[in-house]
Structures are given as C-alpha cells and as structure tokens.
N, C-alpha and C. Protein backbone atom coordinates (compact mmCIF):
# COMPACT_ATOMS: atom_id res chain seq x y z
N UNK A 1 89.37 28.31 -11.90
CA UNK A 1 88.38 29.35 -12.13
C UNK A 1 86.99 28.81 -11.75
N UNK A 2 86.28 29.57 -10.94
CA UNK A 2 84.95 29.16 -10.50
C UNK A 2 83.92 29.47 -11.58
N UNK A 3 82.90 28.62 -11.68
CA UNK A 3 81.86 28.89 -12.68
C UNK A 3 81.03 30.11 -12.28
N UNK A 4 80.53 30.82 -13.27
CA UNK A 4 79.68 31.99 -13.04
C UNK A 4 78.26 31.50 -12.80
N UNK A 5 77.80 31.58 -11.55
CA UNK A 5 76.48 31.06 -11.19
C UNK A 5 75.40 32.14 -11.17
N UNK A 6 75.79 33.40 -11.37
CA UNK A 6 74.80 34.47 -11.36
C UNK A 6 74.13 34.56 -12.73
N UNK A 7 72.81 34.55 -12.73
CA UNK A 7 72.04 34.65 -13.97
C UNK A 7 71.33 36.00 -13.97
N UNK A 8 71.61 36.81 -14.97
CA UNK A 8 71.04 38.15 -15.03
C UNK A 8 69.59 38.08 -15.49
N UNK A 9 68.80 39.11 -15.19
CA UNK A 9 67.42 39.15 -15.68
C UNK A 9 67.35 39.06 -17.21
N UNK A 10 68.32 39.65 -17.90
CA UNK A 10 68.34 39.59 -19.35
C UNK A 10 68.54 38.15 -19.84
N UNK A 11 69.40 37.41 -19.13
CA UNK A 11 69.63 36.01 -19.51
C UNK A 11 68.38 35.17 -19.28
N UNK A 12 67.64 35.45 -18.20
CA UNK A 12 66.38 34.75 -17.97
C UNK A 12 65.39 35.03 -19.12
N UNK A 13 65.36 36.28 -19.58
CA UNK A 13 64.46 36.65 -20.68
C UNK A 13 64.84 35.93 -21.98
N UNK A 14 66.13 35.89 -22.27
CA UNK A 14 66.60 35.20 -23.48
C UNK A 14 66.23 33.72 -23.41
N UNK A 15 66.46 33.11 -22.25
CA UNK A 15 66.14 31.69 -22.07
C UNK A 15 64.64 31.45 -22.25
N UNK A 16 63.83 32.35 -21.70
CA UNK A 16 62.38 32.20 -21.82
C UNK A 16 61.95 32.29 -23.29
N UNK A 17 62.55 33.18 -24.03
CA UNK A 17 62.24 33.29 -25.47
C UNK A 17 62.64 32.01 -26.21
N UNK A 18 63.64 31.30 -25.70
CA UNK A 18 64.08 30.05 -26.32
C UNK A 18 63.32 28.84 -25.77
N UNK A 19 62.31 29.09 -24.95
CA UNK A 19 61.49 27.99 -24.43
C UNK A 19 62.08 27.29 -23.23
N UNK A 20 62.96 27.97 -22.51
CA UNK A 20 63.62 27.37 -21.34
C UNK A 20 63.12 28.11 -20.09
N UNK A 21 62.54 27.37 -19.17
CA UNK A 21 61.98 27.98 -17.97
C UNK A 21 63.08 28.40 -17.00
N UNK A 22 62.70 29.24 -16.04
CA UNK A 22 63.64 29.69 -15.01
C UNK A 22 64.20 28.50 -14.23
N UNK A 23 63.31 27.56 -13.90
CA UNK A 23 63.72 26.40 -13.11
C UNK A 23 64.77 25.57 -13.85
N UNK A 24 64.55 25.36 -15.13
CA UNK A 24 65.50 24.56 -15.91
C UNK A 24 66.81 25.31 -16.09
N UNK A 25 66.72 26.62 -16.34
CA UNK A 25 67.94 27.42 -16.48
C UNK A 25 68.75 27.40 -15.18
N UNK A 26 68.07 27.58 -14.05
CA UNK A 26 68.76 27.53 -12.76
C UNK A 26 69.46 26.18 -12.57
N UNK A 27 68.76 25.09 -12.88
CA UNK A 27 69.35 23.76 -12.71
C UNK A 27 70.55 23.57 -13.62
N UNK A 28 70.42 24.01 -14.86
CA UNK A 28 71.52 23.84 -15.80
C UNK A 28 72.77 24.59 -15.33
N UNK A 29 72.60 25.82 -14.86
CA UNK A 29 73.74 26.64 -14.49
C UNK A 29 74.25 26.29 -13.09
N UNK A 30 73.35 26.20 -12.11
CA UNK A 30 73.76 26.08 -10.71
C UNK A 30 73.93 24.64 -10.21
N UNK A 31 73.26 23.69 -10.84
CA UNK A 31 73.39 22.30 -10.39
C UNK A 31 74.31 21.51 -11.31
N UNK A 32 74.13 21.67 -12.62
CA UNK A 32 74.90 20.88 -13.57
C UNK A 32 76.11 21.64 -14.11
N UNK A 33 76.27 22.92 -13.72
CA UNK A 33 77.41 23.75 -14.09
C UNK A 33 77.61 23.85 -15.60
N UNK A 34 76.51 24.01 -16.33
CA UNK A 34 76.62 24.23 -17.76
C UNK A 34 77.18 25.62 -18.01
N UNK A 35 77.81 25.80 -19.14
CA UNK A 35 78.18 27.12 -19.60
C UNK A 35 76.88 27.92 -19.79
N UNK A 36 76.85 29.18 -19.34
CA UNK A 36 75.60 29.94 -19.39
C UNK A 36 75.07 30.10 -20.81
N UNK A 37 75.94 30.32 -21.76
CA UNK A 37 75.47 30.51 -23.14
C UNK A 37 74.77 29.24 -23.65
N UNK A 38 75.36 28.09 -23.35
CA UNK A 38 74.76 26.82 -23.75
C UNK A 38 73.44 26.59 -23.00
N UNK A 39 73.42 26.90 -21.71
CA UNK A 39 72.22 26.70 -20.89
C UNK A 39 71.05 27.57 -21.37
N UNK A 40 71.36 28.74 -21.87
CA UNK A 40 70.33 29.67 -22.32
C UNK A 40 69.80 29.31 -23.71
N UNK A 41 70.66 28.75 -24.56
CA UNK A 41 70.27 28.56 -25.96
C UNK A 41 69.92 27.13 -26.35
N UNK A 42 70.46 26.13 -25.68
CA UNK A 42 70.20 24.74 -26.11
C UNK A 42 68.77 24.34 -25.81
N UNK A 43 68.03 23.90 -26.83
CA UNK A 43 66.63 23.55 -26.61
C UNK A 43 66.50 22.34 -25.69
N UNK A 44 65.34 22.25 -25.05
CA UNK A 44 65.06 21.13 -24.15
C UNK A 44 64.77 19.90 -24.99
N UNK A 45 65.43 18.80 -24.64
CA UNK A 45 65.20 17.55 -25.36
C UNK A 45 64.00 16.85 -24.74
N UNK A 46 63.12 16.40 -25.58
CA UNK A 46 61.96 15.66 -25.10
C UNK A 46 62.24 14.18 -25.31
N UNK A 47 62.16 13.43 -24.22
CA UNK A 47 62.45 12.00 -24.29
C UNK A 47 61.17 11.19 -24.38
N UNK A 48 61.30 10.04 -24.98
CA UNK A 48 60.22 9.06 -25.05
C UNK A 48 58.90 9.67 -25.53
N UNK A 49 59.00 10.51 -26.53
CA UNK A 49 57.77 11.09 -27.06
C UNK A 49 56.97 10.04 -27.79
N UNK A 50 55.71 9.96 -27.49
CA UNK A 50 54.81 9.04 -28.17
C UNK A 50 53.84 9.84 -29.02
N UNK A 51 53.22 9.20 -29.97
CA UNK A 51 52.25 9.92 -30.80
C UNK A 51 50.95 10.23 -30.06
N UNK A 52 50.82 9.80 -28.81
CA UNK A 52 49.58 10.01 -28.05
C UNK A 52 49.19 11.48 -28.00
N UNK A 53 50.17 12.37 -27.77
CA UNK A 53 49.87 13.79 -27.67
C UNK A 53 49.18 14.35 -28.89
N UNK A 54 49.59 13.87 -30.07
CA UNK A 54 49.00 14.35 -31.31
C UNK A 54 47.62 13.75 -31.57
N UNK A 55 47.37 12.55 -31.05
CA UNK A 55 46.14 11.82 -31.37
C UNK A 55 45.19 11.68 -30.18
N UNK A 56 45.51 12.27 -29.07
CA UNK A 56 44.72 12.11 -27.84
C UNK A 56 43.25 12.48 -28.04
N UNK A 57 42.99 13.65 -28.62
CA UNK A 57 41.61 14.10 -28.80
C UNK A 57 40.83 13.18 -29.74
N UNK A 58 41.50 12.72 -30.81
CA UNK A 58 40.84 11.82 -31.76
C UNK A 58 40.50 10.50 -31.07
N UNK A 59 41.45 9.99 -30.28
CA UNK A 59 41.22 8.73 -29.56
C UNK A 59 40.06 8.86 -28.59
N UNK A 60 40.04 9.93 -27.82
CA UNK A 60 38.96 10.12 -26.84
C UNK A 60 37.61 10.22 -27.54
N UNK A 61 37.58 10.90 -28.69
CA UNK A 61 36.34 11.02 -29.45
C UNK A 61 35.86 9.66 -29.94
N UNK A 62 36.80 8.78 -30.26
CA UNK A 62 36.46 7.45 -30.77
C UNK A 62 36.40 6.39 -29.67
N UNK A 63 36.56 6.80 -28.40
CA UNK A 63 36.46 5.84 -27.30
C UNK A 63 37.63 4.88 -27.20
N UNK A 64 38.81 5.33 -27.60
CA UNK A 64 40.00 4.47 -27.57
C UNK A 64 40.92 4.96 -26.45
N UNK A 65 41.26 4.07 -25.54
CA UNK A 65 42.10 4.44 -24.40
C UNK A 65 43.56 4.55 -24.82
N UNK A 66 44.35 5.15 -23.92
CA UNK A 66 45.79 5.26 -24.16
C UNK A 66 46.40 3.88 -24.35
N UNK A 67 46.04 2.94 -23.48
CA UNK A 67 46.60 1.59 -23.55
C UNK A 67 46.27 0.90 -24.86
N UNK A 68 45.03 1.02 -25.31
CA UNK A 68 44.63 0.39 -26.57
C UNK A 68 45.37 1.04 -27.73
N UNK A 69 45.47 2.36 -27.70
CA UNK A 69 46.17 3.09 -28.77
C UNK A 69 47.63 2.66 -28.86
N UNK A 70 48.32 2.64 -27.71
CA UNK A 70 49.74 2.28 -27.71
C UNK A 70 49.93 0.81 -28.07
N UNK A 71 49.03 -0.05 -27.62
CA UNK A 71 49.11 -1.46 -27.97
C UNK A 71 48.99 -1.63 -29.48
N UNK A 72 48.05 -0.93 -30.08
CA UNK A 72 47.85 -1.03 -31.52
C UNK A 72 49.10 -0.60 -32.29
N UNK A 73 49.80 0.41 -31.80
CA UNK A 73 50.99 0.90 -32.49
C UNK A 73 52.18 -0.04 -32.26
N UNK A 74 52.44 -0.37 -30.99
CA UNK A 74 53.63 -1.14 -30.66
C UNK A 74 53.50 -2.62 -31.00
N UNK A 75 52.39 -3.24 -30.65
CA UNK A 75 52.27 -4.69 -30.80
C UNK A 75 51.59 -5.10 -32.10
N UNK A 76 50.66 -4.31 -32.58
CA UNK A 76 49.95 -4.68 -33.80
C UNK A 76 50.54 -4.00 -35.02
N UNK A 77 51.45 -3.04 -34.82
CA UNK A 77 52.12 -2.39 -35.93
C UNK A 77 51.24 -1.46 -36.74
N UNK A 78 50.17 -0.93 -36.13
CA UNK A 78 49.29 -0.04 -36.87
C UNK A 78 49.86 1.37 -36.92
N UNK A 79 49.51 2.09 -37.96
CA UNK A 79 49.84 3.49 -38.12
C UNK A 79 49.06 4.28 -37.05
N UNK A 80 49.63 5.35 -36.46
CA UNK A 80 48.90 6.08 -35.42
C UNK A 80 47.51 6.55 -35.85
N UNK A 81 47.37 6.95 -37.11
CA UNK A 81 46.05 7.41 -37.56
C UNK A 81 45.03 6.27 -37.52
N UNK A 82 45.44 5.10 -37.99
CA UNK A 82 44.54 3.94 -37.97
C UNK A 82 44.27 3.52 -36.52
N UNK A 83 45.31 3.54 -35.69
CA UNK A 83 45.16 3.16 -34.28
C UNK A 83 44.20 4.09 -33.55
N UNK A 84 44.15 5.36 -33.95
CA UNK A 84 43.29 6.33 -33.29
C UNK A 84 41.88 6.36 -33.85
N UNK A 85 41.70 5.89 -35.07
CA UNK A 85 40.38 6.03 -35.69
C UNK A 85 39.63 4.72 -35.87
N UNK A 86 40.34 3.60 -35.93
CA UNK A 86 39.67 2.31 -36.13
C UNK A 86 38.88 1.98 -34.87
N UNK A 87 37.57 1.79 -35.00
CA UNK A 87 36.76 1.52 -33.81
C UNK A 87 37.14 0.20 -33.15
N UNK A 88 36.99 0.17 -31.84
CA UNK A 88 37.20 -1.07 -31.11
C UNK A 88 35.99 -1.96 -31.33
N UNK A 89 36.23 -3.21 -31.64
CA UNK A 89 35.14 -4.16 -31.81
C UNK A 89 35.00 -4.90 -30.49
N UNK A 90 34.07 -4.49 -29.68
CA UNK A 90 33.92 -5.05 -28.34
C UNK A 90 33.15 -6.38 -28.34
N UNK A 91 32.57 -6.78 -29.46
CA UNK A 91 31.80 -8.02 -29.51
C UNK A 91 32.63 -9.23 -29.88
N UNK A 92 33.71 -9.04 -30.63
CA UNK A 92 34.54 -10.15 -31.06
C UNK A 92 35.85 -10.12 -30.31
N UNK A 93 36.40 -11.29 -29.98
CA UNK A 93 37.71 -11.29 -29.32
C UNK A 93 38.79 -10.87 -30.32
N UNK A 94 39.31 -9.69 -30.16
CA UNK A 94 40.37 -9.21 -31.06
C UNK A 94 41.72 -9.31 -30.36
N UNK A 95 42.75 -8.79 -30.99
CA UNK A 95 44.10 -8.92 -30.46
C UNK A 95 44.24 -8.28 -29.09
N UNK A 96 43.53 -7.19 -28.83
CA UNK A 96 43.67 -6.53 -27.54
C UNK A 96 43.05 -7.38 -26.43
N UNK A 97 41.90 -7.97 -26.69
CA UNK A 97 41.27 -8.82 -25.69
C UNK A 97 42.11 -10.07 -25.44
N UNK A 98 42.71 -10.63 -26.49
CA UNK A 98 43.57 -11.80 -26.30
C UNK A 98 44.77 -11.43 -25.44
N UNK A 99 45.31 -10.24 -25.63
CA UNK A 99 46.44 -9.77 -24.83
C UNK A 99 46.03 -9.67 -23.37
N UNK A 100 44.86 -9.10 -23.11
CA UNK A 100 44.39 -8.95 -21.73
C UNK A 100 44.15 -10.32 -21.11
N UNK A 101 43.58 -11.26 -21.88
CA UNK A 101 43.33 -12.59 -21.36
C UNK A 101 44.62 -13.32 -21.01
N UNK A 102 45.69 -13.08 -21.78
CA UNK A 102 46.97 -13.71 -21.46
C UNK A 102 47.51 -13.20 -20.13
N UNK A 103 47.28 -11.94 -19.83
CA UNK A 103 47.80 -11.34 -18.61
C UNK A 103 46.97 -11.72 -17.37
N UNK A 104 45.75 -12.13 -17.58
CA UNK A 104 44.84 -12.44 -16.48
C UNK A 104 45.24 -13.75 -15.83
N UNK A 105 45.39 -13.77 -14.49
CA UNK A 105 45.74 -15.01 -13.82
C UNK A 105 44.53 -15.68 -13.20
N UNK A 106 43.48 -14.92 -12.91
CA UNK A 106 42.28 -15.49 -12.29
C UNK A 106 41.27 -15.84 -13.37
N UNK A 107 40.98 -17.13 -13.51
CA UNK A 107 40.01 -17.58 -14.50
C UNK A 107 38.60 -17.44 -13.94
N UNK A 108 37.61 -17.70 -14.76
CA UNK A 108 36.21 -17.66 -14.30
C UNK A 108 35.99 -18.69 -13.20
N UNK A 109 36.64 -19.83 -13.33
CA UNK A 109 36.52 -20.88 -12.30
C UNK A 109 37.10 -20.39 -10.97
N UNK A 110 38.26 -19.73 -11.04
CA UNK A 110 38.86 -19.17 -9.83
C UNK A 110 37.90 -18.17 -9.17
N UNK A 111 37.29 -17.32 -9.98
CA UNK A 111 36.39 -16.30 -9.43
C UNK A 111 35.19 -16.94 -8.74
N UNK A 112 34.66 -18.03 -9.29
CA UNK A 112 33.55 -18.73 -8.65
C UNK A 112 33.99 -19.32 -7.31
N UNK A 113 35.17 -19.95 -7.28
CA UNK A 113 35.69 -20.53 -6.05
C UNK A 113 35.93 -19.44 -5.00
N UNK A 114 36.45 -18.31 -5.44
CA UNK A 114 36.68 -17.20 -4.51
C UNK A 114 35.38 -16.73 -3.90
N UNK A 115 34.36 -16.59 -4.73
CA UNK A 115 33.06 -16.14 -4.22
C UNK A 115 32.51 -17.13 -3.21
N UNK A 116 32.65 -18.42 -3.51
CA UNK A 116 32.18 -19.47 -2.61
C UNK A 116 32.92 -19.39 -1.26
N UNK A 117 34.20 -19.06 -1.29
CA UNK A 117 35.02 -19.00 -0.08
C UNK A 117 35.03 -17.62 0.57
N UNK A 118 34.25 -16.68 0.02
CA UNK A 118 34.17 -15.35 0.61
C UNK A 118 35.41 -14.51 0.44
N UNK A 119 36.13 -14.70 -0.66
CA UNK A 119 37.38 -13.98 -0.91
C UNK A 119 37.17 -12.88 -1.94
N UNK A 120 37.95 -11.81 -1.82
CA UNK A 120 37.95 -10.78 -2.84
C UNK A 120 39.29 -10.87 -3.59
N UNK A 121 39.37 -10.19 -4.72
CA UNK A 121 40.59 -10.24 -5.53
C UNK A 121 41.81 -9.73 -4.76
N UNK A 122 41.60 -8.68 -3.97
CA UNK A 122 42.72 -8.10 -3.23
C UNK A 122 43.34 -9.12 -2.28
N UNK A 123 42.50 -9.93 -1.64
CA UNK A 123 43.01 -10.95 -0.71
C UNK A 123 43.85 -11.98 -1.46
N UNK A 124 43.34 -12.43 -2.61
CA UNK A 124 44.07 -13.43 -3.40
C UNK A 124 45.39 -12.85 -3.90
N UNK A 125 45.37 -11.62 -4.40
CA UNK A 125 46.61 -11.00 -4.89
C UNK A 125 47.62 -10.81 -3.76
N UNK A 126 47.15 -10.44 -2.57
CA UNK A 126 48.06 -10.28 -1.44
C UNK A 126 48.65 -11.63 -1.04
N UNK A 127 47.83 -12.66 -1.03
CA UNK A 127 48.34 -13.99 -0.71
C UNK A 127 49.40 -14.42 -1.72
N UNK A 128 49.19 -14.10 -3.00
CA UNK A 128 50.17 -14.44 -4.03
C UNK A 128 51.48 -13.70 -3.78
N UNK A 129 51.38 -12.43 -3.38
CA UNK A 129 52.58 -11.65 -3.08
C UNK A 129 53.33 -12.21 -1.88
N UNK A 130 52.58 -12.87 -0.97
CA UNK A 130 53.20 -13.47 0.21
C UNK A 130 53.77 -14.86 -0.07
N UNK A 131 53.64 -15.32 -1.31
CA UNK A 131 54.26 -16.57 -1.70
C UNK A 131 53.32 -17.77 -1.76
N UNK A 132 52.02 -17.55 -1.59
CA UNK A 132 51.07 -18.65 -1.69
C UNK A 132 50.96 -19.09 -3.15
N UNK A 133 50.66 -20.38 -3.34
CA UNK A 133 50.36 -20.84 -4.69
C UNK A 133 48.99 -20.29 -5.08
N UNK A 134 48.72 -20.22 -6.37
CA UNK A 134 47.44 -19.69 -6.83
C UNK A 134 46.28 -20.53 -6.31
N UNK A 135 46.44 -21.85 -6.34
CA UNK A 135 45.36 -22.73 -5.88
C UNK A 135 45.09 -22.55 -4.39
N UNK A 136 46.15 -22.45 -3.57
CA UNK A 136 45.96 -22.24 -2.13
C UNK A 136 45.32 -20.88 -1.86
N UNK A 137 45.78 -19.86 -2.59
CA UNK A 137 45.25 -18.51 -2.38
C UNK A 137 43.77 -18.44 -2.70
N UNK A 138 43.32 -19.18 -3.69
CA UNK A 138 41.91 -19.15 -4.12
C UNK A 138 41.04 -20.06 -3.26
N UNK A 139 41.58 -21.21 -2.86
CA UNK A 139 40.77 -22.23 -2.19
C UNK A 139 40.73 -22.12 -0.66
N UNK A 140 41.61 -21.36 -0.05
CA UNK A 140 41.62 -21.24 1.41
C UNK A 140 40.71 -20.11 1.84
N UNK A 141 39.63 -20.43 2.57
CA UNK A 141 38.71 -19.37 3.00
C UNK A 141 39.35 -18.46 4.05
N UNK A 142 38.78 -17.29 4.20
CA UNK A 142 39.24 -16.35 5.22
C UNK A 142 38.83 -16.89 6.58
N UNK A 143 39.71 -16.78 7.56
CA UNK A 143 39.41 -17.28 8.90
C UNK A 143 38.49 -16.30 9.63
N UNK A 144 37.61 -16.85 10.44
CA UNK A 144 36.76 -16.00 11.28
C UNK A 144 37.61 -15.46 12.41
N UNK A 145 37.19 -14.36 13.04
CA UNK A 145 37.97 -13.81 14.16
C UNK A 145 38.17 -14.81 15.29
N UNK A 146 37.15 -15.63 15.57
CA UNK A 146 37.30 -16.60 16.66
C UNK A 146 38.33 -17.67 16.30
N UNK A 147 38.37 -18.08 15.02
CA UNK A 147 39.35 -19.07 14.60
C UNK A 147 40.76 -18.49 14.64
N UNK A 148 40.90 -17.22 14.28
CA UNK A 148 42.20 -16.56 14.37
C UNK A 148 42.69 -16.58 15.82
N UNK A 149 41.78 -16.24 16.76
CA UNK A 149 42.14 -16.24 18.18
C UNK A 149 42.51 -17.63 18.67
N UNK A 150 41.75 -18.63 18.26
CA UNK A 150 42.02 -20.02 18.66
C UNK A 150 43.40 -20.45 18.18
N UNK A 151 43.71 -20.18 16.91
CA UNK A 151 45.01 -20.58 16.37
C UNK A 151 46.15 -19.81 17.01
N UNK A 152 45.92 -18.54 17.28
CA UNK A 152 46.97 -17.74 17.92
C UNK A 152 47.25 -18.25 19.32
N UNK A 153 46.19 -18.66 20.03
CA UNK A 153 46.37 -19.20 21.39
C UNK A 153 47.17 -20.48 21.37
N UNK A 154 46.90 -21.35 20.40
CA UNK A 154 47.63 -22.62 20.31
C UNK A 154 49.11 -22.39 19.99
N UNK A 155 49.37 -21.41 19.15
CA UNK A 155 50.75 -21.17 18.70
C UNK A 155 51.54 -20.29 19.66
N UNK A 156 50.88 -19.70 20.65
CA UNK A 156 51.54 -18.75 21.54
C UNK A 156 52.55 -19.42 22.44
N UNK A 157 53.69 -18.78 22.59
CA UNK A 157 54.72 -19.26 23.51
C UNK A 157 54.48 -18.72 24.91
N UNK A 158 53.54 -17.82 25.05
CA UNK A 158 53.22 -17.19 26.33
C UNK A 158 52.16 -18.01 27.07
N UNK A 159 51.70 -19.06 26.49
CA UNK A 159 50.66 -19.89 27.05
C UNK A 159 51.12 -20.53 28.37
N UNK A 160 50.24 -20.55 29.35
CA UNK A 160 50.59 -21.16 30.64
C UNK A 160 50.63 -22.68 30.49
N UNK A 161 51.63 -23.26 31.06
CA UNK A 161 51.65 -24.72 31.05
C UNK A 161 50.96 -25.21 32.32
N UNK A 162 50.11 -26.20 32.17
CA UNK A 162 49.31 -26.69 33.29
C UNK A 162 49.94 -27.90 33.91
C-alpha cells in the first residue's frame, strides 16, 4: 500500500493551529513518510534549547554577551538569573578573562615581535595552519616581492643552464 502524500487544505489548517508550518508538514508526510495524523498533531521538538532566549534582553541591558552568559552557566555553574544580571568586572581578572587567556596563543611578546617583523595576526594564523611552528611563524618576516622573485628563480626547473 502506497502512503497517502496528498495533504488537504483542512489538514494544513489543523497543522497550523498545532504550530506546524506547511514546510514541516510537507517534509513529514512527503519526505519522511509519516502517518498524516501524526504529522499534523505531533508538536515540533526543540533541540538544544538554552536559557539565552529567556534572558537575552536582560543580558543585553546589562552588557553581557552570549558567550559570557553561556560560560557563566556551563563552566561557572551560575544560575541563569545571576549569569544575566551579575555585572562583568572588567577591571579584575575574573574567570572569564582567565578562560580567554588560556585560549590565546599569541602572547604580548609575540605581538611585539610580529609588529617588528611587519606581520599581522592573519599571516601568523595562516602559517600555523600550514604547519609552521609558532616561533617560526612569528619570527620570519614577510618576503619582499623582489626576494620572492629571486627565490623563485633559483628554485625554478625552467631556468636555462649556461
């Protein structure tokens, strides 16, 4: 027996009253072959719901970002209300700043060396992705166009032998 893939206008209306959009109803019936009665009546499951939706406005009013809010809940074990209302202390190194410092790979010394060598962060990060060590990525200056040409000429296999 073939599944009934036709959805009547009345069924669309019932689904809409149950909070199910046309797109979801179509997918349930025509793609996933759900029974139409189940597709029309079963509520949509919300996955990975975080308390951010409930506290977003309070956080924004208090100058607390999504990342800080979620960090406070997950890593510091704070209640969402406290996480949304407790002001950030930007003058003292707190748990959030320590977390950020742990994740940071470029120290102040690295940044000074990069500036001296004319490097930007993007160049160092790209070099790291290409397998360079952190020290080589920070300490090797960018080559000038003439030096690039000189090195390419030396390495070329198309070079005329004299």
